[in-house]
Amino acid sequence: MPLVTLSTSTDYTLATLDRDHEGNTPLIQAAKDGNCAAVLAHLREAGCINRHGMAAIHYAAERGHLQIIEMLLPAEARKVVPIYRFATSVWRNVSALMIAASRGHVAAVRLLAPREAGIQNLSLQTALMRAAIDGRADIVRELRDLEGTTFDMHGETALMYAAKHGHVDCVRLLLSKERTLKDLNGWSALVHAAYFGKLEAAAVLAPYEAMQYGHLALSQANRGCGNSQELQRLITRTRANACVPV
């Protein structure tokens, strides 16, 4: 879906607004502080960004300030931050929904999802993928029907991210939507789990993917950080239970 980048084309410019050393406007600072009255008083500043490229709604999403998100949605929904640093990686073109998903703010995700679900960052990653990376099972449950079966620039899905990070609860939630899908390298979620040594995730995936991807999973376990012997036993047992020759 198309992205909308932030713009400062408003009556409130750098010259006319009272900004702090980081370029925060009174509205942005109020959103950071969770001050609803101040947000309402400065609502005409909506759309302005600070020196980090963040608008008020991004800080409200980061902190889970629900009333402020509601106030800002009409003017700032679908705005993206050019560069945002998550705990494990840096993403480009990040939405408020992605930020709320990473922080585990379920109620904020529910507010933002109707307007922002489907937005992809520069690498075509979604808020659901972010939740899968961070192991936010409650967020995955909220977003799987809205963003499930979406592929990033490498053809990877949220299930693949959950598998290679070993987030078993997220794997279980995404199985019904994304099992047996493969990325641009031909890897399924089981192969990702095997390569990264996530045996518990592999055990959940094996009944659904071992027959199709078992041999590839074993070969990648040998190349990666997986325990190939345990994986061999897992896949052999899974195939035997399915009455399929190894």
C-alpha atoms as a PDB file:
ATOM      1  CA  MET A   1       0.000   0.000   0.000  1.00  0.00           C
ATOM      2  CA  PRO A   2       1.285   3.510  -0.685  1.00  0.00           C
ATOM      3  CA  LEU A   3       3.171   5.281   2.040  1.00  0.00           C
ATOM      4  CA  VAL A   4       2.544   8.877   3.083  1.00  0.00           C
ATOM      5  CA  THR A   5       5.650  10.726   4.196  1.00  0.00           C
ATOM      6  CA  LEU A   6       5.488  13.499   6.728  1.00  0.00           C
ATOM      7  CA  SER A   7       5.350  17.034   5.508  1.00  0.00           C
ATOM      8  CA  THR A   8       5.914  20.360   7.210  1.00  0.00           C
ATOM      9  CA  SER A   9       3.877  22.212   4.581  1.00  0.00           C
ATOM     10  CA  THR A  10       1.686  23.916   7.164  1.00  0.00           C
ATOM     11  CA  ASP A  11       1.215  27.367   8.655  1.00  0.00           C
ATOM     12  CA  TYR A  12       3.403  26.145  11.516  1.00  0.00           C
ATOM     13  CA  THR A  13       7.008  26.212  10.301  1.00  0.00           C
ATOM     14  CA  LEU A  14      10.401  26.064  11.946  1.00  0.00           C
ATOM     15  CA  ALA A  15      10.454  29.837  11.952  1.00  0.00           C
ATOM     16  CA  THR A  16       7.084  30.350  13.633  1.00  0.00           C
ATOM     17  CA  LEU A  17       6.914  27.443  16.048  1.00  0.00           C
ATOM     18  CA  ASP A  18       8.475  27.357  19.480  1.00  0.00           C
ATOM     19  CA  ARG A  19      10.666  24.242  19.243  1.00  0.00           C
ATOM     20  CA  ASP A  20      13.163  22.748  21.657  1.00  0.00           C
ATOM     21  CA  HIS A  21      16.709  21.668  20.760  1.00  0.00           C
ATOM     22  CA  GLU A  22      15.399  18.420  19.209  1.00  0.00           C
ATOM     23  CA  GLY A  23      12.864  20.241  17.097  1.00  0.00           C
ATOM     24  CA  ASN A  24       9.900  19.170  19.205  1.00  0.00           C
ATOM     25  CA  THR A  25       6.855  21.384  18.851  1.00  0.00           C
ATOM     26  CA  PRO A  26       4.533  21.982  21.812  1.00  0.00           C
ATOM     27  CA  LEU A  27       2.205  19.362  20.292  1.00  0.00           C
ATOM     28  CA  ILE A  28       4.953  16.763  20.011  1.00  0.00           C
ATOM     29  CA  GLN A  29       6.095  17.412  23.573  1.00  0.00           C
ATOM     30  CA  ALA A  30       2.516  17.170  24.826  1.00  0.00           C
ATOM     31  CA  ALA A  31       2.093  13.830  23.044  1.00  0.00           C
ATOM     32  CA  LYS A  32       5.310  12.544  24.614  1.00  0.00           C
ATOM     33  CA  ASP A  33       4.121  13.645  28.050  1.00  0.00           C
ATOM     34  CA  GLY A  34       0.613  12.229  27.650  1.00  0.00           C
ATOM     35  CA  ASN A  35      -0.894  15.679  28.252  1.00  0.00           C
ATOM     36  CA  CYS A  36      -4.297  15.543  26.551  1.00  0.00           C
ATOM     37  CA  ALA A  37      -5.234  19.146  27.326  1.00  0.00           C
ATOM     38  CA  ALA A  38      -2.006  20.465  25.809  1.00  0.00           C
ATOM     39  CA  VAL A  39      -2.447  18.253  22.743  1.00  0.00           C
ATOM     40  CA  LEU A  40      -5.911  19.691  22.216  1.00  0.00           C
ATOM     41  CA  ALA A  41      -4.585  23.227  22.610  1.00  0.00           C
ATOM     42  CA  HIS A  42      -1.871  22.683  19.993  1.00  0.00           C
ATOM     43  CA  LEU A  43      -3.724  20.405  17.589  1.00  0.00           C
ATOM     44  CA  ARG A  44      -3.188  22.807  14.675  1.00  0.00           C
ATOM     45  CA  GLU A  45       0.485  21.828  14.747  1.00  0.00           C
ATOM     46  CA  ALA A  46      -0.389  18.281  13.643  1.00  0.00           C
ATOM     47  CA  GLY A  47       1.810  17.088  10.784  1.00  0.00           C
ATOM     48  CA  CYS A  48       4.974  18.785  12.008  1.00  0.00           C
ATOM     49  CA  ILE A  49       7.992  16.611  12.717  1.00  0.00           C
ATOM     50  CA  ASN A  50      11.071  16.973  14.894  1.00  0.00           C
ATOM     51  CA  ARG A  51      14.730  16.468  13.978  1.00  0.00           C
ATOM     52  CA  HIS A  52      14.266  12.691  14.248  1.00  0.00           C
ATOM     53  CA  GLY A  53      11.485  12.744  11.672  1.00  0.00           C
ATOM     54  CA  MET A  54       8.857  11.855  14.249  1.00  0.00           C
ATOM     55  CA  ALA A  55       5.427  13.407  14.571  1.00  0.00           C
ATOM     56  CA  ALA A  56       3.233  13.571  17.652  1.00  0.00           C
ATOM     57  CA  ILE A  57       1.327  10.382  16.782  1.00  0.00           C
ATOM     58  CA  HIS A  58       4.535   8.338  16.725  1.00  0.00           C
ATOM     59  CA  TYR A  59       5.346   9.319  20.302  1.00  0.00           C
ATOM     60  CA  ALA A  60       1.760   8.674  21.387  1.00  0.00           C
ATOM     61  CA  ALA A  61       1.979   5.205  19.817  1.00  0.00           C
ATOM     62  CA  GLU A  62       5.366   4.574  21.420  1.00  0.00           C
ATOM     63  CA  ARG A  63       3.981   5.373  24.856  1.00  0.00           C
ATOM     64  CA  GLY A  64       0.484   3.941  24.406  1.00  0.00           C
ATOM     65  CA  HIS A  65      -1.383   7.223  24.977  1.00  0.00           C
ATOM     66  CA  LEU A  66      -4.777   6.177  23.619  1.00  0.00           C
ATOM     67  CA  GLN A  67      -6.718   9.436  23.902  1.00  0.00           C
ATOM     68  CA  ILE A  68      -3.925  11.313  22.186  1.00  0.00           C
ATOM     69  CA  ILE A  69      -3.735   8.776  19.373  1.00  0.00           C
ATOM     70  CA  GLU A  70      -7.483   9.263  18.835  1.00  0.00           C
ATOM     71  CA  MET A  71      -7.053  13.033  18.666  1.00  0.00           C
ATOM     72  CA  LEU A  72      -4.178  12.807  16.197  1.00  0.00           C
ATOM     73  CA  LEU A  73      -5.509  10.113  13.864  1.00  0.00           C
ATOM     74  CA  PRO A  74      -7.499  12.434  11.574  1.00  0.00           C
ATOM     75  CA  ALA A  75      -4.408  14.524  10.763  1.00  0.00           C
ATOM     76  CA  GLU A  76      -1.487  12.140  11.216  1.00  0.00           C
ATOM     77  CA  ALA A  77      -2.678   8.620  10.345  1.00  0.00           C
ATOM     78  CA  ARG A  78      -0.405   6.814   7.849  1.00  0.00           C
ATOM     79  CA  LYS A  79       2.513   9.179   8.445  1.00  0.00           C
ATOM     80  CA  VAL A  80       5.873   7.413   8.477  1.00  0.00           C
ATOM     81  CA  VAL A  81       9.187   8.035  10.233  1.00  0.00           C
ATOM     82  CA  PRO A  82      12.124   7.964   7.770  1.00  0.00           C
ATOM     83  CA  ILE A  83      14.393   6.060  10.186  1.00  0.00           C
ATOM     84  CA  TYR A  84      13.341   4.378  13.450  1.00  0.00           C
ATOM     85  CA  ARG A  85      15.515   2.283  15.741  1.00  0.00           C
ATOM     86  CA  PHE A  86      13.800  -0.751  17.254  1.00  0.00           C
ATOM     87  CA  ALA A  87      15.469  -2.924  19.900  1.00  0.00           C
ATOM     88  CA  THR A  88      17.022  -5.294  17.369  1.00  0.00           C
ATOM     89  CA  SER A  89      17.176  -3.358  14.110  1.00  0.00           C
ATOM     90  CA  VAL A  90      16.679  -0.088  12.274  1.00  0.00           C
ATOM     91  CA  TRP A  91      13.700   0.230   9.929  1.00  0.00           C
ATOM     92  CA  ARG A  92      12.987   2.909   7.331  1.00  0.00           C
ATOM     93  CA  ASN A  93       9.527   4.391   6.739  1.00  0.00           C
ATOM     94  CA  VAL A  94       7.945   3.286  10.002  1.00  0.00           C
ATOM     95  CA  SER A  95       4.288   3.805  10.874  1.00  0.00           C
ATOM     96  CA  ALA A  96       2.735   4.503  14.260  1.00  0.00           C
ATOM     97  CA  LEU A  97       1.143   1.039  14.079  1.00  0.00           C
ATOM     98  CA  MET A  98       4.560  -0.601  13.717  1.00  0.00           C
ATOM     99  CA  ILE A  99       5.820   1.319  16.740  1.00  0.00           C
ATOM    100  CA  ALA A 100       2.799   0.408  18.878  1.00  0.00           C
ATOM    101  CA  ALA A 101       3.105  -3.238  17.781  1.00  0.00           C
ATOM    102  CA  SER A 102       6.756  -3.410  18.795  1.00  0.00           C
ATOM    103  CA  ARG A 103       5.996  -1.885  22.193  1.00  0.00           C
ATOM    104  CA  GLY A 104       3.152  -4.327  22.848  1.00  0.00           C
ATOM    105  CA  HIS A 105       0.431  -1.699  23.197  1.00  0.00           C
ATOM    106  CA  VAL A 106      -2.592  -3.810  22.276  1.00  0.00           C
ATOM    107  CA  ALA A 107      -5.213  -1.090  22.697  1.00  0.00           C
ATOM    108  CA  ALA A 108      -3.143   1.339  20.620  1.00  0.00           C
ATOM    109  CA  VAL A 109      -2.805  -1.280  17.896  1.00  0.00           C
ATOM    110  CA  ARG A 110      -6.585  -1.698  17.857  1.00  0.00           C
ATOM    111  CA  LEU A 111      -7.001   2.051  17.413  1.00  0.00           C
ATOM    112  CA  LEU A 112      -4.405   2.369  14.672  1.00  0.00           C
ATOM    113  CA  ALA A 113      -5.030  -0.814  12.699  1.00  0.00           C
ATOM    114  CA  PRO A 114      -8.186   0.301  10.853  1.00  0.00           C
ATOM    115  CA  ARG A 115      -6.236   3.237   9.393  1.00  0.00           C
ATOM    116  CA  GLU A 116      -2.702   1.847   9.121  1.00  0.00           C
ATOM    117  CA  ALA A 117      -2.844  -1.925   8.638  1.00  0.00           C
ATOM    118  CA  GLY A 118      -1.133  -2.870   5.391  1.00  0.00           C
ATOM    119  CA  ILE A 119       1.529  -0.163   5.459  1.00  0.00           C
ATOM    120  CA  GLN A 120       4.933  -1.617   4.594  1.00  0.00           C
ATOM    121  CA  ASN A 121       8.325  -0.110   5.349  1.00  0.00           C
ATOM    122  CA  LEU A 122      11.114   0.364   2.815  1.00  0.00           C
ATOM    123  CA  SER A 123      11.895  -3.371   3.003  1.00  0.00           C
ATOM    124  CA  LEU A 124       8.167  -4.203   2.659  1.00  0.00           C
ATOM    125  CA  GLN A 125       7.912  -5.310   6.287  1.00  0.00           C
ATOM    126  CA  THR A 126       4.659  -4.874   8.202  1.00  0.00           C
ATOM    127  CA  ALA A 127       3.539  -4.220  11.760  1.00  0.00           C
ATOM    128  CA  LEU A 128       2.631  -7.924  12.002  1.00  0.00           C
ATOM    129  CA  MET A 129       6.198  -8.850  11.069  1.00  0.00           C
ATOM    130  CA  ARG A 130       7.503  -6.441  13.702  1.00  0.00           C
ATOM    131  CA  ALA A 131       5.287  -8.082  16.323  1.00  0.00           C
ATOM    132  CA  ALA A 132       6.505 -11.533  15.223  1.00  0.00           C
ATOM    133  CA  ILE A 133      10.143 -10.440  15.494  1.00  0.00           C
ATOM    134  CA  ASP A 134       9.579  -9.064  18.993  1.00  0.00           C
ATOM    135  CA  GLY A 135       7.496 -12.012  20.186  1.00  0.00           C
ATOM    136  CA  ARG A 136       4.344  -9.969  20.793  1.00  0.00           C
ATOM    137  CA  ALA A 137       1.793 -12.780  20.564  1.00  0.00           C
ATOM    138  CA  ASP A 138      -1.108 -10.574  21.652  1.00  0.00           C
ATOM    139  CA  ILE A 139      -0.326  -8.153  18.818  1.00  0.00           C
ATOM    140  CA  VAL A 140       0.092 -10.992  16.322  1.00  0.00           C
ATOM    141  CA  ARG A 141      -3.416 -12.124  17.261  1.00  0.00           C
ATOM    142  CA  GLU A 142      -4.753  -8.633  16.508  1.00  0.00           C
ATOM    143  CA  LEU A 143      -3.019  -8.239  13.140  1.00  0.00           C
ATOM    144  CA  ARG A 144      -2.814 -11.706  11.588  1.00  0.00           C
ATOM    145  CA  ASP A 145      -6.118 -11.409   9.705  1.00  0.00           C
ATOM    146  CA  LEU A 146      -5.266  -7.904   8.501  1.00  0.00           C
ATOM    147  CA  GLU A 147      -1.664  -8.420   7.399  1.00  0.00           C
ATOM    148  CA  GLY A 148      -1.175 -12.194   7.222  1.00  0.00           C
ATOM    149  CA  THR A 149       0.305 -13.676   4.002  1.00  0.00           C
ATOM    150  CA  THR A 150       2.155 -10.430   3.253  1.00  0.00           C
ATOM    151  CA  PHE A 151       5.712 -10.853   1.935  1.00  0.00           C
ATOM    152  CA  ASP A 152       8.721  -8.595   2.525  1.00  0.00           C
ATOM    153  CA  MET A 153      11.360  -7.817  -0.100  1.00  0.00           C
ATOM    154  CA  HIS A 154      12.976 -11.233   0.472  1.00  0.00           C
ATOM    155  CA  GLY A 155       9.663 -13.062   0.250  1.00  0.00           C
ATOM    156  CA  GLU A 156       9.596 -13.674   4.000  1.00  0.00           C
ATOM    157  CA  THR A 157       6.402 -13.760   6.054  1.00  0.00           C
ATOM    158  CA  ALA A 158       5.587 -13.001   9.668  1.00  0.00           C
ATOM    159  CA  LEU A 159       5.589 -16.755  10.391  1.00  0.00           C
ATOM    160  CA  MET A 160       9.144 -17.028   9.089  1.00  0.00           C
ATOM    161  CA  TYR A 161      10.217 -14.168  11.362  1.00  0.00           C
ATOM    162  CA  ALA A 162       8.534 -15.793  14.351  1.00  0.00           C
ATOM    163  CA  ALA A 163      10.181 -19.127  13.508  1.00  0.00           C
ATOM    164  CA  LYS A 164      13.726 -17.862  13.169  1.00  0.00           C
ATOM    165  CA  HIS A 165      13.428 -15.823  16.363  1.00  0.00           C
ATOM    166  CA  GLY A 166      12.004 -18.817  18.218  1.00  0.00           C
ATOM    167  CA  HIS A 167       8.732 -17.193  19.298  1.00  0.00           C
ATOM    168  CA  VAL A 168       6.629 -20.332  19.551  1.00  0.00           C
ATOM    169  CA  ASP A 169       3.376 -18.647  20.612  1.00  0.00           C
ATOM    170  CA  CYS A 170       3.559 -16.431  17.531  1.00  0.00           C
ATOM    171  CA  VAL A 171       4.342 -19.439  15.344  1.00  0.00           C
ATOM    172  CA  ARG A 172       1.200 -21.194  16.572  1.00  0.00           C
ATOM    173  CA  LEU A 173      -0.934 -18.123  15.907  1.00  0.00           C
ATOM    174  CA  LEU A 174       0.345 -17.729  12.345  1.00  0.00           C
ATOM    175  CA  LEU A 175       0.259 -21.367  11.239  1.00  0.00           C
ATOM    176  CA  SER A 176      -3.266 -21.258   9.858  1.00  0.00           C
ATOM    177  CA  LYS A 177      -2.462 -18.256   7.644  1.00  0.00           C
ATOM    178  CA  GLU A 178       1.103 -18.790   6.484  1.00  0.00           C
ATOM    179  CA  ARG A 179       2.236 -22.416   6.807  1.00  0.00           C
ATOM    180  CA  THR A 180       3.991 -23.987   3.773  1.00  0.00           C
ATOM    181  CA  LEU A 181       4.668 -20.588   2.175  1.00  0.00           C
ATOM    182  CA  LYS A 182       8.235 -20.110   0.945  1.00  0.00           C
ATOM    183  CA  ASP A 183      10.535 -17.115   0.514  1.00  0.00           C
ATOM    184  CA  LEU A 184      12.588 -16.141  -2.538  1.00  0.00           C
ATOM    185  CA  ASN A 185      15.239 -18.719  -1.576  1.00  0.00           C
ATOM    186  CA  GLY A 186      12.633 -21.462  -1.371  1.00  0.00           C
ATOM    187  CA  TRP A 187      12.785 -21.576   2.430  1.00  0.00           C
ATOM    188  CA  SER A 188       9.682 -22.230   4.512  1.00  0.00           C
ATOM    189  CA  ALA A 189       9.272 -21.248   8.155  1.00  0.00           C
ATOM    190  CA  LEU A 190      10.547 -24.707   9.150  1.00  0.00           C
ATOM    191  CA  VAL A 191      13.763 -24.148   7.210  1.00  0.00           C
ATOM    192  CA  HIS A 192      14.280 -20.800   8.945  1.00  0.00           C
ATOM    193  CA  ALA A 193      13.713 -22.397  12.350  1.00  0.00           C
ATOM    194  CA  ALA A 194      16.175 -25.178  11.494  1.00  0.00           C
ATOM    195  CA  TYR A 195      18.885 -22.821  10.242  1.00  0.00           C
ATOM    196  CA  PHE A 196      18.690 -20.654  13.363  1.00  0.00           C
ATOM    197  CA  GLY A 197      18.530 -23.612  15.738  1.00  0.00           C
ATOM    198  CA  LYS A 198      15.019 -22.944  17.035  1.00  0.00           C
ATOM    199  CA  LEU A 199      14.031 -26.533  17.739  1.00  0.00           C
ATOM    200  CA  GLU A 200      10.868 -25.755  19.691  1.00  0.00           C
ATOM    201  CA  ALA A 201       9.557 -23.687  16.792  1.00  0.00           C
ATOM    202  CA  ALA A 202      10.633 -26.430  14.385  1.00  0.00           C
ATOM    203  CA  ALA A 203       8.673 -28.980  16.415  1.00  0.00           C
ATOM    204  CA  VAL A 204       5.509 -26.907  16.019  1.00  0.00           C
ATOM    205  CA  LEU A 205       6.080 -26.474  12.278  1.00  0.00           C
ATOM    206  CA  ALA A 206       7.218 -29.995  11.431  1.00  0.00           C
ATOM    207  CA  PRO A 207       3.766 -31.649  11.245  1.00  0.00           C
ATOM    208  CA  TYR A 208       2.780 -29.115   8.579  1.00  0.00           C
ATOM    209  CA  GLU A 209       6.019 -28.651   6.640  1.00  0.00           C
ATOM    210  CA  ALA A 210       8.363 -31.606   7.240  1.00  0.00           C
ATOM    211  CA  MET A 211       7.124 -33.660   4.314  1.00  0.00           C
ATOM    212  CA  GLN A 212       7.678 -30.835   1.834  1.00  0.00           C
ATOM    213  CA  TYR A 213      10.645 -29.050   3.395  1.00  0.00           C
ATOM    214  CA  GLY A 214      12.243 -31.603   5.724  1.00  0.00           C
ATOM    215  CA  HIS A 215      15.316 -32.374   3.616  1.00  0.00           C
ATOM    216  CA  LEU A 216      15.990 -28.681   2.977  1.00  0.00           C
ATOM    217  CA  ALA A 217      15.569 -27.949   6.689  1.00  0.00           C
ATOM    218  CA  LEU A 218      18.157 -30.609   7.539  1.00  0.00           C
ATOM    219  CA  SER A 219      20.672 -29.303   5.017  1.00  0.00           C
ATOM    220  CA  GLN A 220      20.307 -25.746   6.308  1.00  0.00           C
ATOM    221  CA  ALA A 221      20.589 -26.908   9.924  1.00  0.00           C
ATOM    222  CA  ASN A 222      23.988 -28.346   9.017  1.00  0.00           C
ATOM    223  CA  ARG A 223      25.025 -24.999   7.535  1.00  0.00           C
ATOM    224  CA  GLY A 224      23.583 -22.776  10.243  1.00  0.00           C
ATOM    225  CA  CYS A 225      23.471 -22.865  14.018  1.00  0.00           C
ATOM    226  CA  GLY A 226      20.869 -25.606  14.254  1.00  0.00           C
ATOM    227  CA  ASN A 227      21.243 -28.983  15.963  1.00  0.00           C
ATOM    228  CA  SER A 228      20.990 -31.227  12.910  1.00  0.00           C
ATOM    229  CA  GLN A 229      20.899 -34.479  14.912  1.00  0.00           C
ATOM    230  CA  GLU A 230      17.916 -33.403  16.980  1.00  0.00           C
ATOM    231  CA  LEU A 231      16.236 -32.016  13.888  1.00  0.00           C
ATOM    232  CA  GLN A 232      16.846 -35.309  12.060  1.00  0.00           C
ATOM    233  CA  ARG A 233      15.095 -37.166  14.880  1.00  0.00           C
ATOM    234  CA  LEU A 234      12.254 -34.658  14.868  1.00  0.00           C
ATOM    235  CA  ILE A 235      11.651 -34.910  11.124  1.00  0.00           C
ATOM    236  CA  THR A 236      12.036 -38.692  11.086  1.00  0.00           C
ATOM    237  CA  ARG A 237       9.499 -39.025  13.897  1.00  0.00           C
ATOM    238  CA  THR A 238       7.106 -36.592  12.210  1.00  0.00           C
ATOM    239  CA  ARG A 239       7.229 -38.461   8.914  1.00  0.00           C
ATOM    240  CA  ALA A 240       6.855 -41.822  10.615  1.00  0.00           C
ATOM    241  CA  ASN A 241       3.744 -40.612  12.413  1.00  0.00           C
ATOM    242  CA  ALA A 242       2.382 -39.476   9.066  1.00  0.00           C
ATOM    243  CA  CYS A 243       3.192 -42.880   7.557  1.00  0.00           C
ATOM    244  CA  VAL A 244       5.490 -41.308   4.992  1.00  0.00           C
ATOM    245  CA  PRO A 245       8.862 -42.962   4.204  1.00  0.00           C
ATOM    246  CA  VAL A 246      11.903 -40.892   5.173  1.00  0.00           C
END
